[in-house]
Structure formats: C-alpha cells, structure tokens
C-alpha cells in the first residue's frame, strides 16, 4: 500500500546515540553481554520536565531531533493543522513495574502512560490537531504511517508526526519472564517522522525492497519494536531517498507500506 505523502525528515535517538550514523554495523556484537542498551534521560530543563517520565522526555527529544533534521523551528509544526500519531509496544512496562512495587512514581495510574507521553509532546510543541495512539510493535507503526499519510493526503491536516518510543531498562524483568522471545539486544529508542503532502505516484526506486530495511534495522540497531519502521525510513533518507518499502513484523502479522522519502540533501 502507498499514500500521497512523503517523509520529509526523521529524528532518531537510540541507545547507540543520535541518528542512524551512530548505529553499529552489528548490534549483537556491539552489545556484547548486555541484553538491554539504554537511552539516557534527556537533559531537558523546567519543573514540568523534572516530574515527567523518561519516556515522555524521550518523546519530546525525538520530535526536536526531527525538527533539527528538517531544518525547521517549532513554529513550523505548532497549531491545529499538525496531526500526532504515537506508537509504542512497551507503553505500560515501566509504570506497571512501579505500580506493582508499590511506587506511584509520576504516574498514579499505569494505563495512562501512552496518553501522558503524547500530552507532554503536544504541550511542548503547541500541537492542537488530531492525535492517535496505537499500542503494538512494528506493524502498528506501519499502520500509523498509513493513517498519517491518508490524513495528509485527504487534507485533514497539513502535516503528520509519527512518533514511537520504546524503553526496556525499568521493566527488563518483564521481558525475562517472556523468556526473551525477541532477539537481543533490546535497544531503547525514540523516533519521529514528519509526513508532508506528496504524490501518490511512485518516486524513483530507492533500492530498498522486500524487507531489506527491516533486516538492516535488526542487524544494525537491534530490537527496537515500534521504532523499527521509523529507523528504516531514516536509513532510506541517508541512502538518498526515493520509493522505500517499509515492512514491520509483529506476533505473526506482517504489514508493508511504500513511502516516498526525500534524501537528506533535499530537505525543504
């Protein structure tokens, strides 16, 4: 499937560093014996951020990184014509651990974790448009790219932000109980893609087909769950853009979308 929208910028933060240039050639080898590669808490100032969860701060930092990648200021996305689509698979992990341990933390109700993150992002960047929250792995991110692209294509918004955040450190024991059903290392990540209006016709092929980017993300980044398709788009932009086939696989389901990505040299 494809939609009439293009990927203009992608901000990526992972436990390896800022941007896809920080990704190692082989994530499993680079992680050595560490099953989780952690993202540090972003140093954001202000009383509101002092009380915010690490996931919330990572979401804000990923959107800012996207703006830096696009060469835009915050005013470019503020207001009612920007849609926000937030995706996560491990949404409740950290808050559930706090709750079960008898610590309320910053969230008194664990199930509000995804709403808290999207709210902090909306407040920080002045987003007052439509928003969607999807809970799931890479396939949910492909769904978000489809929904965001259709919203842009149909004129329901001028631009859409597809944001994904995954953390594992606080809830590592929960993943151990699942007997590490995901390939290690589990790499904490936050990524945000900016979708703008574009043609529904295919752009020149970028050479990324048949799950090649999904494989590259697993090889270089590790298991980043919902962030995987967005990291794939960032890799496509680094390679020059064009028509990019992005695939996500999660719990027996597979979803694929073709997106037009602009190369980094062609921003705005």
Protein backbone atom coordinates (compact mmCIF):
# COMPACT_ATOMS: atom_id res chain seq x y z
CA UNK A 1 0.00 0.00 0.00
CA UNK A 2 1.08 3.59 -0.56
CA UNK A 3 -0.31 7.04 0.20
CA UNK A 4 0.06 10.55 -1.18
CA UNK A 5 2.52 11.77 1.44
CA UNK A 6 6.27 11.99 1.64
CA UNK A 7 8.69 11.57 4.52
CA UNK A 8 10.48 14.91 4.83
CA UNK A 9 12.53 14.27 7.97
CA UNK A 10 13.16 11.63 10.62
CA UNK A 11 14.62 12.21 14.07
CA UNK A 12 16.23 9.15 15.67
CA UNK A 13 17.59 8.54 19.15
CA UNK A 14 18.77 5.09 20.23
CA UNK A 15 20.89 3.61 22.97
CA UNK A 16 23.73 3.80 20.44
CA UNK A 17 23.49 7.59 20.09
CA UNK A 18 21.87 10.30 17.95
CA UNK A 19 20.89 9.49 14.38
CA UNK A 20 21.44 6.40 12.27
CA UNK A 21 25.11 7.30 11.83
CA UNK A 22 25.58 6.19 15.45
CA UNK A 23 24.30 2.67 14.75
CA UNK A 24 26.97 -0.05 14.80
CA UNK A 25 27.46 -2.43 11.90
CA UNK A 26 26.46 -5.36 14.10
CA UNK A 27 24.24 -4.56 17.10
CA UNK A 28 24.53 -8.01 18.65
CA UNK A 29 28.32 -7.89 18.61
CA UNK A 30 28.40 -4.29 19.85
CA UNK A 31 26.12 -5.06 22.79
CA UNK A 32 28.46 -7.84 23.97
CA UNK A 33 26.79 -9.37 27.04
CA UNK A 34 24.28 -6.55 27.62
CA UNK A 35 20.71 -7.63 26.77
CA UNK A 36 19.42 -4.02 27.05
CA UNK A 37 21.08 -0.96 25.51
CA UNK A 38 19.74 2.00 27.46
CA UNK A 39 18.95 5.55 26.37
CA UNK A 40 19.92 8.17 28.93
CA UNK A 41 17.38 10.62 30.28
CA UNK A 42 17.42 13.76 28.09
CA UNK A 43 18.63 16.85 29.99
CA UNK A 44 15.51 18.96 29.49
CA UNK A 45 15.00 21.96 31.77
CA UNK A 46 11.87 23.04 33.61
CA UNK A 47 9.71 21.95 36.52
CA UNK A 48 7.29 20.08 34.26
CA UNK A 49 10.11 18.00 32.82
CA UNK A 50 11.57 17.33 36.26
CA UNK A 51 8.39 15.44 37.10
CA UNK A 52 7.98 13.77 33.69
CA UNK A 53 8.78 10.13 32.98
CA UNK A 54 11.84 9.21 30.98
CA UNK A 55 9.58 8.05 28.14
CA UNK A 56 7.94 11.47 27.96
CA UNK A 57 11.30 13.22 27.78
CA UNK A 58 12.46 10.86 25.04
CA UNK A 59 9.34 11.64 23.02
CA UNK A 60 9.99 15.38 23.28
CA UNK A 61 13.65 14.89 22.37
CA UNK A 62 12.77 12.78 19.31
CA UNK A 63 10.45 15.46 17.93
CA UNK A 64 13.13 18.08 18.47
CA UNK A 65 15.63 15.86 16.68
CA UNK A 66 13.20 15.59 13.75
CA UNK A 67 12.95 19.39 13.58
CA UNK A 68 16.73 19.63 13.57
CA UNK A 69 16.89 17.07 10.77
CA UNK A 70 14.34 19.07 8.74
CA UNK A 71 15.92 22.44 9.47
CA UNK A 72 12.64 23.72 10.93
CA UNK A 73 11.76 25.70 14.04
CA UNK A 74 8.96 24.81 16.41
CA UNK A 75 6.55 27.30 14.87
CA UNK A 76 6.51 25.18 11.71
CA UNK A 77 4.55 22.39 13.43
CA UNK A 78 2.57 24.28 16.09
CA UNK A 79 -1.20 24.65 15.85
CA UNK A 80 -4.27 22.71 14.75
CA UNK A 81 -3.02 21.54 11.33
CA UNK A 82 -0.47 19.07 12.67
CA UNK A 83 -1.59 15.53 13.50
CA UNK A 84 0.28 13.44 16.07
CA UNK A 85 0.31 9.64 15.88
CA UNK A 86 2.09 7.94 18.77
CA UNK A 87 3.04 4.25 18.70
CA UNK A 88 4.58 2.00 21.35
CA UNK A 89 4.68 -1.68 22.22
CA UNK A 90 6.09 -1.37 25.75
CA UNK A 91 3.84 1.52 26.74
CA UNK A 92 2.93 0.32 30.21
CA UNK A 93 6.07 -1.59 31.17
CA UNK A 94 7.88 0.92 33.35
CA UNK A 95 4.73 2.30 35.00
CA UNK A 96 3.44 -1.23 35.69
CA UNK A 97 6.68 -2.15 37.44
CA UNK A 98 6.44 0.97 39.63
CA UNK A 99 2.82 0.22 40.44
CA UNK A 100 3.46 -3.42 41.34
CA UNK A 101 6.37 -2.39 43.54
CA UNK A 102 4.13 0.00 45.45
CA UNK A 103 5.68 3.13 43.99
CA UNK A 104 3.29 5.56 42.35
CA UNK A 105 6.12 7.44 40.63
CA UNK A 106 5.00 10.25 38.35
CA UNK A 107 2.02 8.24 37.05
CA UNK A 108 -0.57 7.24 39.61
CA UNK A 109 -2.45 5.18 37.02
CA UNK A 110 -0.16 2.96 34.87
CA UNK A 111 -2.60 2.70 31.97
CA UNK A 112 -2.30 6.45 31.33
CA UNK A 113 1.37 6.15 30.28
CA UNK A 114 0.79 6.49 26.49
CA UNK A 115 -1.57 9.45 26.96
CA UNK A 116 0.94 11.18 29.24
CA UNK A 117 3.67 10.94 26.62
CA UNK A 118 1.60 12.27 23.74
CA UNK A 119 0.26 15.05 26.00
CA UNK A 120 3.74 16.19 27.01
CA UNK A 121 4.78 16.32 23.35
CA UNK A 122 1.64 18.25 22.39
CA UNK A 123 2.14 20.76 25.21
CA UNK A 124 5.83 21.29 24.47
CA UNK A 125 5.39 21.91 20.74
CA UNK A 126 1.95 23.55 20.77
CA UNK A 127 0.23 20.76 18.82
CA UNK A 128 -3.54 21.17 18.87
CA UNK A 129 -4.55 18.99 15.92
CA UNK A 130 -5.83 15.43 15.70
CA UNK A 131 -3.97 12.69 17.52
CA UNK A 132 -3.97 8.90 17.58
CA UNK A 133 -2.35 6.40 19.96
CA UNK A 134 -1.58 2.88 18.73
CA UNK A 135 -0.29 0.13 21.02
CA UNK A 136 1.79 -2.51 19.27
CA UNK A 137 5.06 -3.33 17.58
CA UNK A 138 6.39 -2.51 14.10
CA UNK A 139 3.11 -3.36 12.38
CA UNK A 140 1.34 -0.68 14.43
CA UNK A 141 3.92 1.85 13.23
CA UNK A 142 3.23 0.86 9.62
CA UNK A 143 -0.48 1.39 10.40
CA UNK A 144 0.36 4.83 11.83
CA UNK A 145 2.30 5.77 8.70
CA UNK A 146 -0.72 4.74 6.64
CA UNK A 147 -3.17 6.68 8.80
CA UNK A 148 -0.96 9.76 8.98
CA UNK A 149 -0.33 9.63 5.25
CA UNK A 150 -4.04 9.39 4.49
CA UNK A 151 -4.79 12.31 6.79
CA UNK A 152 -2.25 14.43 4.91
CA UNK A 153 -3.40 13.17 1.51
CA UNK A 154 -7.06 13.89 2.25
CA UNK A 155 -6.34 17.40 3.53
CA UNK A 156 -7.39 16.68 7.11
CA UNK A 157 -4.06 18.11 8.24
CA UNK A 158 -1.09 19.86 6.67
CA UNK A 159 1.46 17.55 8.22
CA UNK A 160 1.60 14.48 10.44
CA UNK A 161 4.13 13.42 13.05
CA UNK A 162 4.53 9.69 13.53
CA UNK A 163 6.30 9.19 16.87
CA UNK A 164 7.45 5.95 18.52
CA UNK A 165 9.17 5.45 21.88
CA UNK A 166 10.36 2.20 23.44
CA UNK A 167 12.11 1.74 26.80
CA UNK A 168 13.15 -1.54 28.42
CA UNK A 169 15.51 -0.84 31.30
CA UNK A 170 12.93 -0.35 34.06
CA UNK A 171 10.95 -3.42 33.01
CA UNK A 172 13.75 -5.77 31.98
CA UNK A 173 12.43 -8.48 34.31
CA UNK A 174 9.11 -8.50 32.47
CA UNK A 175 10.90 -9.31 29.24
CA UNK A 176 12.87 -12.03 31.04
CA UNK A 177 9.59 -13.60 32.13
CA UNK A 178 8.70 -13.72 28.46
CA UNK A 179 11.91 -15.75 28.04
CA UNK A 180 13.39 -13.21 25.68
CA UNK A 181 11.07 -14.04 22.84
CA UNK A 182 12.59 -11.08 20.98
CA UNK A 183 16.12 -11.17 19.58
CA UNK A 184 18.64 -9.40 21.80
CA UNK A 185 19.80 -6.79 22.26
CA UNK A 186 16.70 -4.84 23.19
CA UNK A 187 17.67 -1.29 22.28
CA UNK A 188 15.81 1.67 23.73
CA UNK A 189 14.81 4.13 21.05
CA UNK A 190 12.70 7.16 20.19
CA UNK A 191 11.99 8.24 16.63
CA UNK A 192 9.75 10.75 14.87
CA UNK A 193 8.93 11.08 11.17
CA UNK A 194 7.48 14.18 9.52
CA UNK A 195 4.94 13.46 6.76
CA UNK A 196 4.09 16.20 4.27
CA UNK A 197 1.84 16.21 1.19
CA UNK A 198 3.28 14.35 -1.79
CA UNK A 199 2.25 12.45 -4.89
CA UNK A 200 0.62 9.04 -4.64
CA UNK A 201 2.69 8.08 -7.69
CA UNK A 202 5.85 6.14 -7.01
CA UNK A 203 9.09 8.11 -6.91
CA UNK A 204 12.27 6.60 -8.40
CA UNK A 205 13.08 3.42 -6.53
CA UNK A 206 15.48 3.81 -3.65
CA UNK A 207 16.69 0.23 -3.77
CA UNK A 208 15.00 -0.84 -0.53
CA UNK A 209 12.56 -3.64 -1.25
CA UNK A 210 11.25 -6.93 0.14
CA UNK A 211 12.06 -6.36 3.79
CA UNK A 212 15.66 -5.27 3.20
CA UNK A 213 15.32 -2.31 5.56
CA UNK A 214 13.63 -4.39 8.26
CA UNK A 215 16.62 -6.73 8.16
CA UNK A 216 19.06 -3.81 8.19
CA UNK A 217 17.39 -2.27 11.24
CA UNK A 218 17.57 -5.54 13.19
CA UNK A 219 21.19 -6.01 12.19
CA UNK A 220 22.38 -2.50 12.97
CA UNK A 221 20.04 -1.24 15.69
CA UNK A 222 18.81 -4.42 17.41
CA UNK A 223 15.24 -4.93 18.63
CA UNK A 224 13.60 -1.50 18.78
CA UNK A 225 9.99 -2.71 18.38
CA UNK A 226 7.71 0.14 17.24
CA UNK A 227 10.68 2.37 16.41
CA UNK A 228 11.95 -0.04 13.75
CA UNK A 229 10.00 1.25 10.70
CA UNK A 230 10.94 4.85 11.51
CA UNK A 231 14.61 3.92 11.80
CA UNK A 232 14.20 2.20 8.44
CA UNK A 233 12.93 5.46 6.93
CA UNK A 234 15.90 7.31 8.39
CA UNK A 235 18.26 4.78 6.79
CA UNK A 236 16.46 5.29 3.46
CA UNK A 237 16.93 9.06 3.72
CA UNK A 238 20.63 8.60 4.42
CA UNK A 239 20.85 6.45 1.27
CA UNK A 240 19.36 9.20 -0.90
CA UNK A 241 15.61 8.69 -0.61
CA UNK A 242 13.19 7.58 -3.31
CA UNK A 243 10.45 4.98 -3.08
CA UNK A 244 11.06 2.97 0.05
CA UNK A 245 9.33 -0.26 1.06
CA UNK A 246 9.00 -0.40 4.85
CA UNK A 247 7.90 -3.62 6.48
CA UNK A 248 7.01 -4.49 10.05
CA UNK A 249 6.55 -7.93 11.60
CA UNK A 250 4.92 -8.49 14.98
CA UNK A 251 3.29 -11.53 16.61
CA UNK A 252 2.58 -13.37 13.38
CA UNK A 253 1.36 -10.34 11.47
CA UNK A 254 3.22 -8.56 8.71
CA UNK A 255 2.47 -5.09 7.29
CA UNK A 256 4.20 -3.22 4.47
CA UNK A 257 3.91 0.31 3.15
CA UNK A 258 5.66 2.13 0.34
CA UNK A 259 6.74 5.63 1.28
CA UNK A 260 8.45 8.37 -0.70
CA UNK A 261 11.41 9.64 1.28
CA UNK A 262 13.44 12.74 0.50
CA UNK A 263 17.19 12.45 0.74
CA UNK A 264 18.79 14.48 3.50
CA UNK A 265 20.40 16.80 0.99
CA UNK A 266 16.93 17.71 -0.36
CA UNK A 267 15.34 18.91 2.87
CA UNK A 268 12.79 21.67 2.37
